Amino acid sequence: CLLSNNRRGRVDMFNKDIGVYSIAMAAKPAKSGYLKAMQLMGT
């Protein structure tokens, strides 16, 4: 999973050829993005 504080457009541009889970506007260091990433990945 990609976890970025950048906007969705930036994350999608990078992920276009990668094709993994991604979270934009994650507000790191907030825990919520990390927790959501684990939920998406099933880890």
PDB file of all heavy atoms in Angstrom:
ATOM      1  N   CYS A   1       0.850  -1.186   0.000  1.00  0.00           N
ATOM      2  CA  CYS A   1       0.000   0.000   0.000  1.00  0.00           C
ATOM      3  C   CYS A   1       0.884   1.233   0.000  1.00  0.00           C
ATOM      4  O   CYS A   1       1.883   1.295   0.728  1.00  0.00           O
ATOM      5  CB  CYS A   1      -0.907  -0.004   1.233  1.00  0.00           C
ATOM      6  SG  CYS A   1      -2.107   1.363   1.251  1.00  0.00           S
ATOM      7  N   LEU A   2       0.535   2.209  -0.801  1.00  0.00           N
ATOM      8  CA  LEU A   2       1.200   3.510  -0.804  1.00  0.00           C
ATOM      9  C   LEU A   2       0.447   4.404   0.167  1.00  0.00           C
ATOM     10  O   LEU A   2      -0.781   4.478   0.110  1.00  0.00           O
ATOM     11  CB  LEU A   2       1.174   4.114  -2.205  1.00  0.00           C
ATOM     12  CG  LEU A   2       1.752   3.247  -3.318  1.00  0.00           C
ATOM     13  CD1 LEU A   2       1.461   3.871  -4.680  1.00  0.00           C
ATOM     14  CD2 LEU A   2       3.244   3.032  -3.117  1.00  0.00           C
ATOM     15  N   LEU A   3       1.191   5.086   1.030  1.00  0.00           N
ATOM     16  CA  LEU A   3       0.585   5.981   2.022  1.00  0.00           C
ATOM     17  C   LEU A   3       1.245   7.345   1.875  1.00  0.00           C
ATOM     18  O   LEU A   3       2.436   7.492   2.143  1.00  0.00           O
ATOM     19  CB  LEU A   3       0.796   5.419   3.431  1.00  0.00           C
ATOM     20  CG  LEU A   3       0.135   6.160   4.574  1.00  0.00           C
ATOM     21  CD1 LEU A   3      -1.387   6.053   4.480  1.00  0.00           C
ATOM     22  CD2 LEU A   3       0.605   5.597   5.910  1.00  0.00           C
ATOM     23  N   SER A   4       0.479   8.320   1.424  1.00  0.00           N
ATOM     24  CA  SER A   4       1.057   9.618   1.085  1.00  0.00           C
ATOM     25  C   SER A   4       0.218  10.760   1.641  1.00  0.00           C
ATOM     26  O   SER A   4      -1.009  10.674   1.701  1.00  0.00           O
ATOM     27  CB  SER A   4       1.141   9.749  -0.440  1.00  0.00           C
ATOM     28  OG  SER A   4       1.623  11.019  -0.808  1.00  0.00           O
ATOM     29  N   ASN A   5       0.900  11.818   2.015  1.00  0.00           N
ATOM     30  CA  ASN A   5       0.207  13.038   2.416  1.00  0.00           C
ATOM     31  C   ASN A   5      -0.161  13.883   1.202  1.00  0.00           C
ATOM     32  O   ASN A   5      -0.801  14.916   1.333  1.00  0.00           O
ATOM     33  CB  ASN A   5       1.072  13.855   3.384  1.00  0.00           C
ATOM     34  CG  ASN A   5       1.095  13.251   4.774  1.00  0.00           C
ATOM     35  OD1 ASN A   5       0.316  12.349   5.101  1.00  0.00           O
ATOM     36  ND2 ASN A   5       2.000  13.744   5.615  1.00  0.00           N
ATOM     37  N   ASN A   6       0.236  13.445   0.017  1.00  0.00           N
ATOM     38  CA  ASN A   6      -0.080  14.163  -1.221  1.00  0.00           C
ATOM     39  C   ASN A   6      -1.534  13.956  -1.623  1.00  0.00           C
ATOM     40  O   ASN A   6      -2.216  13.070  -1.122  1.00  0.00           O
ATOM     41  CB  ASN A   6       0.822  13.676  -2.361  1.00  0.00           C
ATOM     42  CG  ASN A   6       2.169  14.334  -2.314  1.00  0.00           C
ATOM     43  OD1 ASN A   6       2.268  15.552  -2.325  1.00  0.00           O
ATOM     44  ND2 ASN A   6       3.215  13.521  -2.237  1.00  0.00           N
ATOM     45  N   ARG A   7      -1.950  14.763  -2.587  1.00  0.00           N
ATOM     46  CA  ARG A   7      -3.311  14.676  -3.119  1.00  0.00           C
ATOM     47  C   ARG A   7      -3.491  13.407  -3.959  1.00  0.00           C
ATOM     48  O   ARG A   7      -2.526  12.812  -4.435  1.00  0.00           O
ATOM     49  CB  ARG A   7      -3.614  15.908  -3.974  1.00  0.00           C
ATOM     50  CG  ARG A   7      -3.586  17.205  -3.188  1.00  0.00           C
ATOM     51  CD  ARG A   7      -3.868  18.383  -4.118  1.00  0.00           C
ATOM     52  NE  ARG A   7      -3.483  19.633  -3.508  1.00  0.00           N
ATOM     53  CZ  ARG A   7      -4.284  20.367  -2.743  1.00  0.00           C
ATOM     54  NH1 ARG A   7      -5.508  19.959  -2.503  1.00  0.00           N
ATOM     55  NH2 ARG A   7      -3.864  21.494  -2.224  1.00  0.00           N
ATOM     56  N   ARG A   8      -4.735  13.039  -4.159  1.00  0.00           N
ATOM     57  CA  ARG A   8      -5.087  11.824  -4.902  1.00  0.00           C
ATOM     58  C   ARG A   8      -4.456  11.807  -6.290  1.00  0.00           C
ATOM     59  O   ARG A   8      -3.953  10.776  -6.743  1.00  0.00           O
ATOM     60  CB  ARG A   8      -6.616  11.713  -4.986  1.00  0.00           C
ATOM     61  CG  ARG A   8      -7.158  10.618  -5.856  1.00  0.00           C
ATOM     62  CD  ARG A   8      -6.744   9.188  -5.571  1.00  0.00           C
ATOM     63  NE  ARG A   8      -6.874   8.758  -4.214  1.00  0.00           N
ATOM     64  CZ  ARG A   8      -6.184   7.718  -3.711  1.00  0.00           C
ATOM     65  NH1 ARG A   8      -5.348   7.029  -4.476  1.00  0.00           N
ATOM     66  NH2 ARG A   8      -6.336   7.351  -2.468  1.00  0.00           N
ATOM     67  N   GLY A   9      -4.437  12.943  -6.996  1.00  0.00           N
ATOM     68  CA  GLY A   9      -3.869  12.979  -8.347  1.00  0.00           C
ATOM     69  C   GLY A   9      -2.412  12.561  -8.375  1.00  0.00           C
ATOM     70  O   GLY A   9      -1.983  11.825  -9.275  1.00  0.00           O
ATOM     71  N   ARG A  10      -1.650  13.040  -7.416  1.00  0.00           N
ATOM     72  CA  ARG A  10      -0.224  12.679  -7.338  1.00  0.00           C
ATOM     73  C   ARG A  10      -0.061  11.184  -7.074  1.00  0.00           C
ATOM     74  O   ARG A  10       0.738  10.501  -7.717  1.00  0.00           O
ATOM     75  CB  ARG A  10       0.462  13.498  -6.233  1.00  0.00           C
ATOM     76  CG  ARG A  10       1.793  12.940  -5.765  1.00  0.00           C
ATOM     77  CD  ARG A  10       2.848  12.986  -6.859  1.00  0.00           C
ATOM     78  NE  ARG A  10       4.083  12.364  -6.444  1.00  0.00           N
ATOM     79  CZ  ARG A  10       4.712  11.439  -7.161  1.00  0.00           C
ATOM     80  NH1 ARG A  10       4.223  11.006  -8.293  1.00  0.00           N
ATOM     81  NH2 ARG A  10       5.858  10.936  -6.753  1.00  0.00           N
ATOM     82  N   VAL A  11      -0.806  10.670  -6.123  1.00  0.00           N
ATOM     83  CA  VAL A  11      -0.700   9.262  -5.753  1.00  0.00           C
ATOM     84  C   VAL A  11      -1.131   8.380  -6.924  1.00  0.00           C
ATOM     85  O   VAL A  11      -0.455   7.398  -7.266  1.00  0.00           O
ATOM     86  CB  VAL A  11      -1.522   8.966  -4.479  1.00  0.00           C
ATOM     87  CG1 VAL A  11      -1.526   7.485  -4.159  1.00  0.00           C
ATOM     88  CG2 VAL A  11      -0.970   9.777  -3.298  1.00  0.00           C
ATOM     89  N   ASP A  12      -2.240   8.734  -7.578  1.00  0.00           N
ATOM     90  CA  ASP A  12      -2.724   7.953  -8.714  1.00  0.00           C
ATOM     91  C   ASP A  12      -1.735   7.980  -9.877  1.00  0.00           C
ATOM     92  O   ASP A  12      -1.559   6.969 -10.575  1.00  0.00           O
ATOM     93  CB  ASP A  12      -4.086   8.461  -9.186  1.00  0.00           C
ATOM     94  CG  ASP A  12      -5.205   8.107  -8.231  1.00  0.00           C
ATOM     95  OD1 ASP A  12      -4.990   7.283  -7.309  1.00  0.00           O
ATOM     96  OD2 ASP A  12      -6.312   8.659  -8.390  1.00  0.00           O
ATOM     97  N   MET A  13      -1.091   9.119 -10.106  1.00  0.00           N
ATOM     98  CA  MET A  13      -0.103   9.224 -11.181  1.00  0.00           C
ATOM     99  C   MET A  13       1.043   8.242 -10.933  1.00  0.00           C
ATOM    100  O   MET A  13       1.474   7.548 -11.851  1.00  0.00           O
ATOM    101  CB  MET A  13       0.426  10.662 -11.271  1.00  0.00           C
ATOM    102  CG  MET A  13       1.382  10.889 -12.433  1.00  0.00           C
ATOM    103  SD  MET A  13       3.123  10.985 -11.977  1.00  0.00           S
ATOM    104  CE  MET A  13       3.205  12.517 -11.096  1.00  0.00           C
ATOM    105  N   PHE A  14       1.517   8.149  -9.715  1.00  0.00           N
ATOM    106  CA  PHE A  14       2.593   7.203  -9.402  1.00  0.00           C
ATOM    107  C   PHE A  14       2.078   5.765  -9.490  1.00  0.00           C
ATOM    108  O   PHE A  14       2.742   4.878 -10.012  1.00  0.00           O
ATOM    109  CB  PHE A  14       3.160   7.460  -7.995  1.00  0.00           C
ATOM    110  CG  PHE A  14       4.222   6.468  -7.622  1.00  0.00           C
ATOM    111  CD1 PHE A  14       5.531   6.665  -8.005  1.00  0.00           C
ATOM    112  CD2 PHE A  14       3.906   5.311  -6.922  1.00  0.00           C
ATOM    113  CE1 PHE A  14       6.514   5.725  -7.700  1.00  0.00           C
ATOM    114  CE2 PHE A  14       4.867   4.368  -6.604  1.00  0.00           C
ATOM    115  CZ  PHE A  14       6.175   4.578  -6.989  1.00  0.00           C
ATOM    116  N   ASN A  15       0.894   5.521  -8.973  1.00  0.00           N
ATOM    117  CA  ASN A  15       0.364   4.165  -8.841  1.00  0.00           C
ATOM    118  C   ASN A  15      -0.199   3.603 -10.149  1.00  0.00           C
ATOM    119  O   ASN A  15      -0.479   2.406 -10.234  1.00  0.00           O
ATOM    120  CB  ASN A  15      -0.713   4.133  -7.755  1.00  0.00           C
ATOM    121  CG  ASN A  15      -1.001   2.741  -7.257  1.00  0.00           C
ATOM    122  OD1 ASN A  15      -0.147   1.850  -7.300  1.00  0.00           O
ATOM    123  ND2 ASN A  15      -2.198   2.536  -6.764  1.00  0.00           N
ATOM    124  N   LYS A  16      -0.315   4.433 -11.173  1.00  0.00           N
ATOM    125  CA  LYS A  16      -0.916   4.015 -12.449  1.00  0.00           C
ATOM    126  C   LYS A  16      -0.282   2.727 -12.975  1.00  0.00           C
ATOM    127  O   LYS A  16      -0.985   1.814 -13.380  1.00  0.00           O
ATOM    128  CB  LYS A  16      -0.777   5.149 -13.473  1.00  0.00           C
ATOM    129  CG  LYS A  16      -1.389   4.844 -14.832  1.00  0.00           C
ATOM    130  CD  LYS A  16      -1.269   6.014 -15.768  1.00  0.00           C
ATOM    131  CE  LYS A  16       0.156   6.113 -16.202  1.00  0.00           C
ATOM    132  NZ  LYS A  16       0.436   6.522 -17.526  1.00  0.00           N
ATOM    133  N   ASP A  17       1.032   2.645 -12.948  1.00  0.00           N
ATOM    134  CA  ASP A  17       1.732   1.464 -13.478  1.00  0.00           C
ATOM    135  C   ASP A  17       2.138   0.478 -12.383  1.00  0.00           C
ATOM    136  O   ASP A  17       2.728  -0.558 -12.690  1.00  0.00           O
ATOM    137  CB  ASP A  17       2.982   1.889 -14.248  1.00  0.00           C
ATOM    138  CG  ASP A  17       2.636   2.680 -15.501  1.00  0.00           C
ATOM    139  OD1 ASP A  17       1.578   2.402 -16.108  1.00  0.00           O
ATOM    140  OD2 ASP A  17       3.412   3.579 -15.870  1.00  0.00           O
ATOM    141  N   ILE A  18       1.844   0.815 -11.140  1.00  0.00           N
ATOM    142  CA  ILE A  18       2.208  -0.059 -10.023  1.00  0.00           C
ATOM    143  C   ILE A  18       1.018  -0.950  -9.655  1.00  0.00           C
ATOM    144  O   ILE A  18       1.136  -2.153  -9.517  1.00  0.00           O
ATOM    145  CB  ILE A  18       2.657   0.775  -8.792  1.00  0.00           C
ATOM    146  CG1 ILE A  18       3.846   1.674  -9.146  1.00  0.00           C
ATOM    147  CG2 ILE A  18       2.974  -0.131  -7.612  1.00  0.00           C
ATOM    148  CD1 ILE A  18       5.128   0.990  -9.470  1.00  0.00           C
ATOM    149  N   GLY A  19      -0.138  -0.328  -9.438  1.00  0.00           N
ATOM    150  CA  GLY A  19      -1.364  -1.068  -9.198  1.00  0.00           C
ATOM    151  C   GLY A  19      -1.500  -1.701  -7.827  1.00  0.00           C
ATOM    152  O   GLY A  19      -2.009  -2.813  -7.707  1.00  0.00           O
ATOM    153  N   VAL A  20      -1.061  -0.983  -6.794  1.00  0.00           N
ATOM    154  CA  VAL A  20      -1.234  -1.488  -5.427  1.00  0.00           C
ATOM    155  C   VAL A  20      -2.270  -0.625  -4.708  1.00  0.00           C
ATOM    156  O   VAL A  20      -2.732   0.381  -5.231  1.00  0.00           O
ATOM    157  CB  VAL A  20       0.107  -1.512  -4.649  1.00  0.00           C
ATOM    158  CG1 VAL A  20       1.102  -2.449  -5.327  1.00  0.00           C
ATOM    159  CG2 VAL A  20       0.693  -0.112  -4.498  1.00  0.00           C
ATOM    160  N   TYR A  21      -2.623  -1.009  -3.486  1.00  0.00           N
ATOM    161  CA  TYR A  21      -3.511  -0.171  -2.692  1.00  0.00           C
ATOM    162  C   TYR A  21      -2.845   1.183  -2.481  1.00  0.00           C
ATOM    163  O   TYR A  21      -1.606   1.282  -2.432  1.00  0.00           O
ATOM    164  CB  TYR A  21      -3.769  -0.801  -1.321  1.00  0.00           C
ATOM    165  CG  TYR A  21      -4.508  -2.104  -1.373  1.00  0.00           C
ATOM    166  CD1 TYR A  21      -3.874  -3.294  -1.030  1.00  0.00           C
ATOM    167  CD2 TYR A  21      -5.850  -2.155  -1.751  1.00  0.00           C
ATOM    168  CE1 TYR A  21      -4.545  -4.502  -1.057  1.00  0.00           C
ATOM    169  CE2 TYR A  21      -6.531  -3.365  -1.794  1.00  0.00           C
ATOM    170  CZ  TYR A  21      -5.872  -4.530  -1.439  1.00  0.00           C
ATOM    171  OH  TYR A  21      -6.540  -5.719  -1.476  1.00  0.00           O
ATOM    172  N   SER A  22      -3.660   2.224  -2.322  1.00  0.00           N
ATOM    173  CA  SER A  22      -3.076   3.541  -2.079  1.00  0.00           C
ATOM    174  C   SER A  22      -4.022   4.395  -1.239  1.00  0.00           C
ATOM    175  O   SER A  22      -5.240   4.260  -1.320  1.00  0.00           O
ATOM    176  CB  SER A  22      -2.760   4.252  -3.399  1.00  0.00           C
ATOM    177  OG  SER A  22      -3.951   4.526  -4.109  1.00  0.00           O
ATOM    178  N   ILE A  23      -3.408   5.250  -0.442  1.00  0.00           N
ATOM    179  CA  ILE A  23      -4.141   6.195   0.396  1.00  0.00           C
ATOM    180  C   ILE A  23      -3.487   7.554   0.213  1.00  0.00           C
ATOM    181  O   ILE A  23      -2.281   7.710   0.437  1.00  0.00           O
ATOM    182  CB  ILE A  23      -4.106   5.778   1.881  1.00  0.00           C
ATOM    183  CG1 ILE A  23      -4.751   4.397   2.057  1.00  0.00           C
ATOM    184  CG2 ILE A  23      -4.783   6.830   2.750  1.00  0.00           C
ATOM    185  CD1 ILE A  23      -4.496   3.757   3.400  1.00  0.00           C
ATOM    186  N   ALA A  24      -4.280   8.530  -0.219  1.00  0.00           N
ATOM    187  CA  ALA A  24      -3.796   9.901  -0.380  1.00  0.00           C
ATOM    188  C   ALA A  24      -4.282  10.732   0.792  1.00  0.00           C
ATOM    189  O   ALA A  24      -5.173  10.321   1.534  1.00  0.00           O
ATOM    190  CB  ALA A  24      -4.314  10.478  -1.695  1.00  0.00           C
ATOM    191  N   MET A  25      -3.696  11.902   0.944  1.00  0.00           N
ATOM    192  CA  MET A  25      -4.093  12.831   2.016  1.00  0.00           C
ATOM    193  C   MET A  25      -4.152  12.094   3.362  1.00  0.00           C
ATOM    194  O   MET A  25      -5.108  12.223   4.127  1.00  0.00           O
ATOM    195  CB  MET A  25      -5.436  13.484   1.689  1.00  0.00           C
ATOM    196  CG  MET A  25      -5.471  14.227   0.361  1.00  0.00           C
ATOM    197  SD  MET A  25      -4.429  15.699   0.311  1.00  0.00           S
ATOM    198  CE  MET A  25      -5.361  16.781   1.366  1.00  0.00           C
ATOM    199  N   ALA A  26      -3.112  11.334   3.660  1.00  0.00           N
ATOM    200  CA  ALA A  26      -3.093  10.432   4.809  1.00  0.00           C
ATOM    201  C   ALA A  26      -2.910  11.130   6.152  1.00  0.00           C
ATOM    202  O   ALA A  26      -3.132  10.513   7.187  1.00  0.00           O
ATOM    203  CB  ALA A  26      -1.996   9.386   4.625  1.00  0.00           C
ATOM    204  N   ALA A  27      -2.477  12.367   6.142  1.00  0.00           N
ATOM    205  CA  ALA A  27      -2.259  13.129   7.383  1.00  0.00           C
ATOM    206  C   ALA A  27      -1.248  12.457   8.300  1.00  0.00           C
ATOM    207  O   ALA A  27      -1.389  12.487   9.516  1.00  0.00           O
ATOM    208  CB  ALA A  27      -3.583  13.387   8.104  1.00  0.00           C
ATOM    209  N   LYS A  28      -0.201  11.843   7.697  1.00  0.00           N
ATOM    210  CA  LYS A  28       0.869  11.271   8.525  1.00  0.00           C
ATOM    211  C   LYS A  28       1.449  12.387   9.381  1.00  0.00           C
ATOM    212  O   LYS A  28       1.616  13.491   8.877  1.00  0.00           O
ATOM    213  CB  LYS A  28       1.977  10.661   7.647  1.00  0.00           C
ATOM    214  CG  LYS A  28       1.548   9.474   6.840  1.00  0.00           C
ATOM    215  CD  LYS A  28       2.682   8.916   5.986  1.00  0.00           C
ATOM    216  CE  LYS A  28       3.019   9.820   4.821  1.00  0.00           C
ATOM    217  NZ  LYS A  28       4.013   9.304   3.908  1.00  0.00           N
ATOM    218  N   PRO A  29       1.697  12.178  10.622  1.00  0.00           N
ATOM    219  CA  PRO A  29       1.867  10.924  11.358  1.00  0.00           C
ATOM    220  C   PRO A  29       0.608  10.389  12.043  1.00  0.00           C
ATOM    221  O   PRO A  29       0.709   9.529  12.929  1.00  0.00           O
ATOM    222  CB  PRO A  29       2.916  11.274  12.399  1.00  0.00           C
ATOM    223  CG  PRO A  29       2.615  12.703  12.743  1.00  0.00           C
ATOM    224  CD  PRO A  29       2.172  13.324  11.432  1.00  0.00           C
ATOM    225  N   ALA A  30      -0.564  10.821  11.666  1.00  0.00           N
ATOM    226  CA  ALA A  30      -1.783  10.268  12.259  1.00  0.00           C
ATOM    227  C   ALA A  30      -1.836   8.762  12.015  1.00  0.00           C
ATOM    228  O   ALA A  30      -1.445   8.285  10.950  1.00  0.00           O
ATOM    229  CB  ALA A  30      -3.018  10.942  11.659  1.00  0.00           C
ATOM    230  N   LYS A  31      -2.351   8.030  12.968  1.00  0.00           N
ATOM    231  CA  LYS A  31      -2.429   6.572  12.875  1.00  0.00           C
ATOM    232  C   LYS A  31      -3.440   6.094  11.843  1.00  0.00           C
ATOM    233  O   LYS A  31      -3.314   4.997  11.305  1.00  0.00           O
ATOM    234  CB  LYS A  31      -2.837   5.978  14.229  1.00  0.00           C
ATOM    235  CG  LYS A  31      -1.841   6.138  15.327  1.00  0.00           C
ATOM    236  CD  LYS A  31      -2.376   5.367  16.531  1.00  0.00           C
ATOM    237  CE  LYS A  31      -1.933   5.935  17.834  1.00  0.00           C
ATOM    238  NZ  LYS A  31      -2.503   5.160  18.955  1.00  0.00           N
ATOM    239  N   SER A  32      -4.446   6.894  11.560  1.00  0.00           N
ATOM    240  CA  SER A  32      -5.573   6.438  10.739  1.00  0.00           C
ATOM    241  C   SER A  32      -5.150   5.898   9.380  1.00  0.00           C
ATOM    242  O   SER A  32      -5.686   4.880   8.919  1.00  0.00           O
ATOM    243  CB  SER A  32      -6.598   7.556  10.571  1.00  0.00           C
ATOM    244  OG  SER A  32      -5.991   8.697   9.999  1.00  0.00           O
ATOM    245  N   GLY A  33      -4.217   6.533   8.715  1.00  0.00           N
ATOM    246  CA  GLY A  33      -3.776   6.059   7.402  1.00  0.00           C
ATOM    247  C   GLY A  33      -3.073   4.714   7.476  1.00  0.00           C
ATOM    248  O   GLY A  33      -3.285   3.836   6.629  1.00  0.00           O
ATOM    249  N   TYR A  34      -2.248   4.542   8.486  1.00  0.00           N
ATOM    250  CA  TYR A  34      -1.533   3.278   8.667  1.00  0.00           C
ATOM    251  C   TYR A  34      -2.535   2.154   8.955  1.00  0.00           C
ATOM    252  O   TYR A  34      -2.414   1.052   8.411  1.00  0.00           O
ATOM    253  CB  TYR A  34      -0.530   3.393   9.814  1.00  0.00           C
ATOM    254  CG  TYR A  34       0.537   4.423   9.583  1.00  0.00           C
ATOM    255  CD1 TYR A  34       0.320   5.772   9.862  1.00  0.00           C
ATOM    256  CD2 TYR A  34       1.794   4.070   9.092  1.00  0.00           C
ATOM    257  CE1 TYR A  34       1.297   6.729   9.652  1.00  0.00           C
ATOM    258  CE2 TYR A  34       2.786   5.016   8.885  1.00  0.00           C
ATOM    259  CZ  TYR A  34       2.526   6.347   9.164  1.00  0.00           C
ATOM    260  OH  TYR A  34       3.504   7.277   8.945  1.00  0.00           O
ATOM    261  N   LEU A  35      -3.518   2.450   9.811  1.00  0.00           N
ATOM    262  CA  LEU A  35      -4.534   1.456  10.153  1.00  0.00           C
ATOM    263  C   LEU A  35      -5.382   1.089   8.932  1.00  0.00           C
ATOM    264  O   LEU A  35      -5.687  -0.080   8.700  1.00  0.00           O
ATOM    265  CB  LEU A  35      -5.416   1.968  11.293  1.00  0.00           C
ATOM    266  CG  LEU A  35      -4.700   2.167  12.638  1.00  0.00           C
ATOM    267  CD1 LEU A  35      -5.608   2.896  13.630  1.00  0.00           C
ATOM    268  CD2 LEU A  35      -4.211   0.845  13.206  1.00  0.00           C
ATOM    269  N   LYS A  36      -5.734   2.097   8.135  1.00  0.00           N
ATOM    270  CA  LYS A  36      -6.521   1.841   6.918  1.00  0.00           C
ATOM    271  C   LYS A  36      -5.711   1.007   5.932  1.00  0.00           C
ATOM    272  O   LYS A  36      -6.250   0.099   5.286  1.00  0.00           O
ATOM    273  CB  LYS A  36      -6.966   3.158   6.282  1.00  0.00           C
ATOM    274  CG  LYS A  36      -7.832   2.952   5.053  1.00  0.00           C
ATOM    275  CD  LYS A  36      -8.342   4.269   4.503  1.00  0.00           C
ATOM    276  CE  LYS A  36      -9.197   4.033   3.263  1.00  0.00           C
ATOM    277  NZ  LYS A  36      -9.592   5.281   2.627  1.00  0.00           N
ATOM    278  N   ALA A  37      -4.408   1.303   5.819  1.00  0.00           N
ATOM    279  CA  ALA A  37      -3.549   0.527   4.917  1.00  0.00           C
ATOM    280  C   ALA A  37      -3.532  -0.943   5.328  1.00  0.00           C
ATOM    281  O   ALA A  37      -3.662  -1.837   4.480  1.00  0.00           O
ATOM    282  CB  ALA A  37      -2.132   1.098   4.911  1.00  0.00           C
ATOM    283  N   MET A  38      -3.394  -1.211   6.620  1.00  0.00           N
ATOM    284  CA  MET A  38      -3.396  -2.597   7.090  1.00  0.00           C
ATOM    285  C   MET A  38      -4.742  -3.260   6.822  1.00  0.00           C
ATOM    286  O   MET A  38      -4.800  -4.435   6.441  1.00  0.00           O
ATOM    287  CB  MET A  38      -3.034  -2.658   8.572  1.00  0.00           C
ATOM    288  CG  MET A  38      -1.565  -2.368   8.831  1.00  0.00           C
ATOM    289  SD  MET A  38      -1.088  -2.601  10.560  1.00  0.00           S
ATOM    290  CE  MET A  38      -1.731  -1.099  11.296  1.00  0.00           C
ATOM    291  N   GLN A  39      -5.817  -2.511   6.992  1.00  0.00           N
ATOM    292  CA  GLN A  39      -7.152  -3.051   6.727  1.00  0.00           C
ATOM    293  C   GLN A  39      -7.278  -3.431   5.246  1.00  0.00           C
ATOM    294  O   GLN A  39      -7.763  -4.516   4.908  1.00  0.00           O
ATOM    295  CB  GLN A  39      -8.217  -2.038   7.119  1.00  0.00           C
ATOM    296  CG  GLN A  39      -9.633  -2.510   6.866  1.00  0.00           C
ATOM    297  CD  GLN A  39     -10.665  -1.427   7.186  1.00  0.00           C
ATOM    298  OE1 GLN A  39     -10.368  -0.238   7.190  1.00  0.00           O
ATOM    299  NE2 GLN A  39     -11.885  -1.854   7.438  1.00  0.00           N
ATOM    300  N   LEU A  40      -6.843  -2.551   4.354  1.00  0.00           N
ATOM    301  CA  LEU A  40      -6.900  -2.828   2.921  1.00  0.00           C
ATOM    302  C   LEU A  40      -6.086  -4.073   2.555  1.00  0.00           C
ATOM    303  O   LEU A  40      -6.509  -4.886   1.728  1.00  0.00           O
ATOM    304  CB  LEU A  40      -6.375  -1.631   2.123  1.00  0.00           C
ATOM    305  CG  LEU A  40      -7.241  -0.380   2.083  1.00  0.00           C
ATOM    306  CD1 LEU A  40      -6.477   0.779   1.458  1.00  0.00           C
ATOM    307  CD2 LEU A  40      -8.535  -0.639   1.318  1.00  0.00           C
ATOM    308  N   MET A  41      -4.902  -4.203   3.173  1.00  0.00           N
ATOM    309  CA  MET A  41      -4.001  -5.311   2.842  1.00  0.00           C
ATOM    310  C   MET A  41      -4.363  -6.603   3.568  1.00  0.00           C
ATOM    311  O   MET A  41      -3.831  -7.667   3.230  1.00  0.00           O
ATOM    312  CB  MET A  41      -2.553  -4.937   3.165  1.00  0.00           C
ATOM    313  CG  MET A  41      -2.003  -3.794   2.354  1.00  0.00           C
ATOM    314  SD  MET A  41      -0.241  -3.511   2.630  1.00  0.00           S
ATOM    315  CE  MET A  41      -0.192  -3.086   4.385  1.00  0.00           C
ATOM    316  N   GLY A  42      -5.203  -6.510   4.601  1.00  0.00           N
ATOM    317  CA  GLY A  42      -5.531  -7.691   5.385  1.00  0.00           C
ATOM    318  C   GLY A  42      -4.399  -8.113   6.305  1.00  0.00           C
ATOM    319  O   GLY A  42      -4.233  -9.300   6.598  1.00  0.00           O
ATOM    320  N   THR A  43      -3.613  -7.131   6.758  1.00  0.00           N
ATOM    321  CA  THR A  43      -2.491  -7.414   7.654  1.00  0.00           C
ATOM    322  C   THR A  43      -2.751  -6.769   9.010  1.00  0.00           C
ATOM    323  O   THR A  43      -3.780  -6.126   9.222  1.00  0.00           O
ATOM    324  CB  THR A  43      -1.158  -6.903   7.059  1.00  0.00           C
ATOM    325  OG1 THR A  43      -1.231  -5.471   6.885  1.00  0.00           O
ATOM    326  CG2 THR A  43      -0.858  -7.561   5.715  1.00  0.00           C
TER     327      THR A  43
END
